[in-house]
C-alpha cells in the first residue's frame, strides 16, 4: 500500500478503516487488508 500526502485516517487490517486510508475497497481487497493482522496505522496530515 502506498500512502501519499494528505491522507488522513487509520486502518487496522481486518478490523476497521477511518478516512481514506488504503484507498478504494478494490485496493483493500487487492492488498488483502481485509484479513486480521497485528499492525495498525494512523496518519495525520
N, C-alpha and C. Protein backbone atom coordinates (compact mmCIF):
# COMPACT_ATOMS: atom_id res chain seq x y z
N UNK A 1 0.85 -1.17 0.00
CA UNK A 1 0.00 0.00 0.00
C UNK A 1 0.89 1.23 0.00
N UNK A 2 0.61 2.14 -0.88
CA UNK A 2 1.32 3.42 -0.92
C UNK A 2 0.39 4.47 -0.34
N UNK A 3 0.84 5.15 0.69
CA UNK A 3 0.04 6.17 1.33
C UNK A 3 0.73 7.50 1.09
N UNK A 4 0.06 8.36 0.36
CA UNK A 4 0.67 9.62 -0.05
C UNK A 4 0.31 10.79 0.85
N UNK A 5 0.68 11.99 0.42
CA UNK A 5 0.40 13.19 1.20
C UNK A 5 -1.10 13.44 1.31
N UNK A 6 -1.48 14.11 2.36
CA UNK A 6 -2.87 14.49 2.63
C UNK A 6 -3.77 13.28 2.87
N UNK A 7 -3.21 12.19 3.34
CA UNK A 7 -4.01 11.03 3.71
C UNK A 7 -4.28 11.11 5.21
N UNK A 8 -5.52 11.28 5.55
CA UNK A 8 -5.90 11.39 6.96
C UNK A 8 -6.77 10.19 7.31
N UNK A 9 -6.44 9.51 8.37
CA UNK A 9 -7.25 8.38 8.80
C UNK A 9 -6.42 7.31 9.46
N UNK A 10 -6.94 6.10 9.44
CA UNK A 10 -6.24 4.98 10.04
C UNK A 10 -6.84 3.67 9.57
N UNK A 11 -6.09 2.61 9.77
CA UNK A 11 -6.58 1.28 9.39
C UNK A 11 -5.96 0.24 10.31
N UNK A 12 -6.74 -0.73 10.68
CA UNK A 12 -6.23 -1.94 11.32
C UNK A 12 -6.78 -3.08 10.49
N UNK A 13 -5.88 -3.80 9.86
CA UNK A 13 -6.29 -4.85 8.91
C UNK A 13 -7.29 -5.80 9.53
N UNK A 14 -8.38 -6.02 8.83
CA UNK A 14 -9.40 -6.95 9.29
C UNK A 14 -10.33 -6.40 10.35
N UNK A 15 -10.12 -5.14 10.78
CA UNK A 15 -10.93 -4.61 11.86
C UNK A 15 -11.69 -3.34 11.47
N UNK A 16 -10.97 -2.27 11.11
CA UNK A 16 -11.65 -1.02 10.79
C UNK A 16 -10.79 -0.14 9.90
N UNK A 17 -11.44 0.83 9.29
CA UNK A 17 -10.76 1.85 8.49
C UNK A 17 -11.44 3.18 8.78
N UNK A 18 -10.63 4.21 8.99
CA UNK A 18 -11.13 5.56 9.22
C UNK A 18 -10.56 6.44 8.12
N UNK A 19 -11.39 7.25 7.50
CA UNK A 19 -10.93 8.16 6.45
C UNK A 19 -10.66 7.43 5.15
N UNK A 20 -9.75 8.00 4.35
CA UNK A 20 -9.44 7.44 3.03
C UNK A 20 -8.21 6.55 3.03
N UNK A 21 -7.70 6.22 4.18
CA UNK A 21 -6.51 5.38 4.27
C UNK A 21 -6.70 4.07 3.53
N UNK A 22 -5.71 3.67 2.74
CA UNK A 22 -5.68 2.43 1.96
C UNK A 22 -6.46 2.51 0.66
N UNK A 23 -7.08 3.64 0.37
CA UNK A 23 -7.74 3.82 -0.93
C UNK A 23 -9.10 3.17 -1.03
N UNK A 24 -9.43 2.76 -2.24
CA UNK A 24 -10.75 2.20 -2.52
C UNK A 24 -10.88 0.78 -1.96
N UNK A 25 -12.11 0.30 -1.91
CA UNK A 25 -12.35 -1.07 -1.44
C UNK A 25 -11.64 -2.07 -2.34
N UNK A 26 -11.54 -1.77 -3.65
CA UNK A 26 -10.82 -2.65 -4.56
C UNK A 26 -9.35 -2.78 -4.15
N UNK A 27 -8.74 -1.68 -3.74
CA UNK A 27 -7.34 -1.70 -3.30
C UNK A 27 -7.19 -2.47 -1.99
N UNK A 28 -8.14 -2.30 -1.09
CA UNK A 28 -8.09 -3.02 0.19
C UNK A 28 -8.15 -4.53 -0.05
N UNK A 29 -9.02 -4.95 -0.96
CA UNK A 29 -9.14 -6.37 -1.28
C UNK A 29 -7.88 -6.86 -1.99
N UNK A 30 -7.37 -6.08 -2.95
CA UNK A 30 -6.16 -6.47 -3.69
C UNK A 30 -4.96 -6.64 -2.76
N UNK A 31 -4.84 -5.76 -1.77
CA UNK A 31 -3.71 -5.81 -0.83
C UNK A 31 -3.97 -6.73 0.36
N UNK A 32 -5.13 -7.38 0.37
CA UNK A 32 -5.53 -8.32 1.42
C UNK A 32 -5.57 -7.67 2.81
N UNK A 33 -5.97 -6.40 2.85
CA UNK A 33 -6.08 -5.70 4.13
C UNK A 33 -7.36 -6.05 4.88
N UNK A 34 -8.19 -6.88 4.31
CA UNK A 34 -9.41 -7.33 4.98
C UNK A 34 -9.12 -8.46 5.95
N UNK A 35 -7.92 -9.03 5.88
CA UNK A 35 -7.55 -10.13 6.78
C UNK A 35 -7.01 -9.56 8.09
N UNK A 36 -7.37 -10.15 9.22
CA UNK A 36 -6.86 -9.66 10.51
C UNK A 36 -5.34 -9.73 10.56
N UNK A 37 -4.76 -8.75 11.24
CA UNK A 37 -3.31 -8.72 11.39
C UNK A 37 -2.92 -8.06 12.70
N UNK A 38 -1.63 -7.92 12.90
CA UNK A 38 -1.13 -7.36 14.16
C UNK A 38 -0.59 -5.95 14.00
N UNK A 39 -0.84 -5.32 12.86
CA UNK A 39 -0.32 -3.97 12.61
C UNK A 39 -1.48 -3.02 12.39
N UNK A 40 -1.38 -1.85 12.98
CA UNK A 40 -2.35 -0.77 12.75
C UNK A 40 -1.61 0.44 12.24
N UNK A 41 -2.31 1.36 11.62
CA UNK A 41 -1.69 2.56 11.04
C UNK A 41 -2.62 3.74 11.26
N UNK A 42 -2.08 4.85 11.76
CA UNK A 42 -2.83 6.09 11.92
C UNK A 42 -2.01 7.20 11.32
N UNK A 43 -2.67 8.09 10.55
CA UNK A 43 -1.93 9.20 9.94
C UNK A 43 -2.64 10.52 10.20
N UNK A 44 -1.86 11.58 10.15
CA UNK A 44 -2.37 12.94 10.30
C UNK A 44 -1.61 13.79 9.30
N UNK A 45 -2.32 14.58 8.54
CA UNK A 45 -1.65 15.38 7.53
C UNK A 45 -1.84 16.85 7.78
